[in-house]
């Protein structure tokens, strides 16, 4: 089994910044692809950013230039730095690991951006 422990999130005014962290542990071999998704009330869960096992990154158009995903030293810990936050970024953010053998989600962390 794989466990994902998320931290960060909270309430921030528009234009502010937040940092989310996700540490994966358990039955993991090597460096795995990791991603952040988010789900706003009444909306489907959507991909925010992902990082491959070799460091390639993908961002949703809505966050390009504002968010940055990276690995934080430990190979299966990822950081999502969120800058210039907007009220529409308000959502529950979920960490995800998906490989051919693994599909795991974190418990979610609330991000609220006030206008």
Protein backbone atom coordinates (compact mmCIF):
# COMPACT_ATOMS: atom_id res chain seq x y z
CA UNK A 1 0.00 0.00 0.00
CA UNK A 2 1.00 3.61 -0.58
CA UNK A 3 0.35 6.42 1.87
CA UNK A 4 0.28 10.07 0.88
CA UNK A 5 0.61 12.68 3.60
CA UNK A 6 -0.27 16.22 2.58
CA UNK A 7 0.43 19.43 4.41
CA UNK A 8 -0.08 23.11 3.75
CA UNK A 9 -3.18 24.83 2.52
CA UNK A 10 -5.32 27.31 4.38
CA UNK A 11 -6.90 30.70 3.89
CA UNK A 12 -5.11 33.42 1.94
CA UNK A 13 -6.20 36.70 0.33
CA UNK A 14 -6.23 37.05 -3.43
CA UNK A 15 -2.73 37.65 -4.72
CA UNK A 16 -1.17 35.69 -1.91
CA UNK A 17 0.90 32.52 -1.91
CA UNK A 18 0.69 29.07 -0.39
CA UNK A 19 2.88 25.98 -0.36
CA UNK A 20 1.54 22.44 -0.40
CA UNK A 21 3.65 19.40 0.38
CA UNK A 22 3.00 15.71 -0.23
CA UNK A 23 5.15 12.84 1.00
CA UNK A 24 4.61 9.35 -0.41
CA UNK A 25 5.62 6.27 1.50
CA UNK A 26 4.91 2.55 1.62
CA UNK A 27 5.17 0.10 -1.24
CA UNK A 28 7.08 2.34 -3.60
CA UNK A 29 10.15 1.40 -5.59
CA UNK A 30 12.18 4.18 -7.11
CA UNK A 31 10.88 7.59 -8.12
CA UNK A 32 7.22 7.67 -9.06
CA UNK A 33 5.14 10.19 -11.01
CA UNK A 34 3.22 12.48 -8.69
CA UNK A 35 0.56 15.08 -9.23
CA UNK A 36 -1.77 17.56 -7.59
CA UNK A 37 -5.45 17.66 -8.43
CA UNK A 38 -8.14 19.93 -7.10
CA UNK A 39 -11.88 19.79 -6.73
CA UNK A 40 -14.07 22.82 -6.18
CA UNK A 41 -17.65 22.50 -4.89
CA UNK A 42 -19.96 21.28 -7.63
CA UNK A 43 -17.10 20.70 -10.06
CA UNK A 44 -15.16 17.69 -11.26
CA UNK A 45 -11.70 16.93 -9.95
CA UNK A 46 -9.09 18.40 -12.28
CA UNK A 47 -5.36 18.09 -12.76
CA UNK A 48 -3.40 21.07 -11.47
CA UNK A 49 0.19 19.97 -12.03
CA UNK A 50 2.20 16.79 -12.39
CA UNK A 51 5.84 15.79 -12.30
CA UNK A 52 7.18 12.65 -13.93
CA UNK A 53 9.76 10.29 -12.54
CA UNK A 54 12.43 12.15 -14.53
CA UNK A 55 11.23 15.62 -13.62
CA UNK A 56 9.07 16.59 -16.56
CA UNK A 57 6.23 18.85 -15.50
CA UNK A 58 2.75 19.54 -16.80
CA UNK A 59 0.43 22.34 -15.68
CA UNK A 60 -3.19 23.17 -16.21
CA UNK A 61 -3.55 26.25 -18.40
CA UNK A 62 -5.29 28.06 -15.57
CA UNK A 63 -2.22 27.85 -13.31
CA UNK A 64 0.67 28.18 -15.77
CA UNK A 65 3.08 30.90 -14.69
CA UNK A 66 1.64 30.99 -11.17
CA UNK A 67 2.16 27.48 -9.77
CA UNK A 68 5.34 25.45 -9.59
CA UNK A 69 5.65 21.73 -8.84
CA UNK A 70 8.97 20.26 -7.76
CA UNK A 71 10.49 17.42 -5.75
CA UNK A 72 11.77 18.44 -2.34
CA UNK A 73 15.02 16.59 -1.90
CA UNK A 74 13.47 13.28 -0.88
CA UNK A 75 12.61 11.62 -4.13
CA UNK A 76 8.94 10.98 -3.45
CA UNK A 77 8.07 14.26 -1.79
CA UNK A 78 6.60 16.95 -3.99
CA UNK A 79 5.98 20.62 -3.35
CA UNK A 80 3.37 22.76 -5.05
CA UNK A 81 4.16 26.44 -4.75
CA UNK A 82 1.14 28.57 -5.56
CA UNK A 83 1.59 32.28 -6.25
CA UNK A 84 -0.76 35.05 -7.33
CA UNK A 85 -3.67 33.05 -6.00
CA UNK A 86 -7.15 33.85 -7.24
CA UNK A 87 -10.56 33.15 -5.68
CA UNK A 88 -11.15 30.60 -8.44
CA UNK A 89 -8.22 28.57 -7.08
CA UNK A 90 -10.36 27.78 -4.04
CA UNK A 91 -10.74 24.01 -3.82
CA UNK A 92 -9.69 20.89 -2.00
CA UNK A 93 -6.28 19.91 -3.32
CA UNK A 94 -5.36 16.23 -3.56
CA UNK A 95 -1.99 14.61 -4.01
CA UNK A 96 -1.88 11.64 -6.39
CA UNK A 97 0.48 8.84 -7.32
CA UNK A 98 -0.32 6.75 -10.37
CA UNK A 99 1.79 4.04 -11.95
CA UNK A 100 0.99 0.76 -13.66
CA UNK A 101 0.68 -0.83 -10.22
CA UNK A 102 -0.27 2.05 -7.94
CA UNK A 103 -3.21 4.42 -7.74
CA UNK A 104 -3.25 6.44 -4.53
CA UNK A 105 -4.80 9.68 -3.30
CA UNK A 106 -4.07 11.86 -0.34
CA UNK A 107 -6.77 12.91 2.08
CA UNK A 108 -7.02 16.39 0.56
CA UNK A 109 -6.19 19.81 1.91
CA UNK A 110 -8.41 22.87 1.68
CA UNK A 111 -7.18 25.99 -0.08
CA UNK A 112 -9.40 29.04 0.24
CA UNK A 113 -8.62 32.31 -1.52
CA UNK A 114 -10.62 35.31 -0.38
CA UNK A 115 -11.45 38.14 -2.73
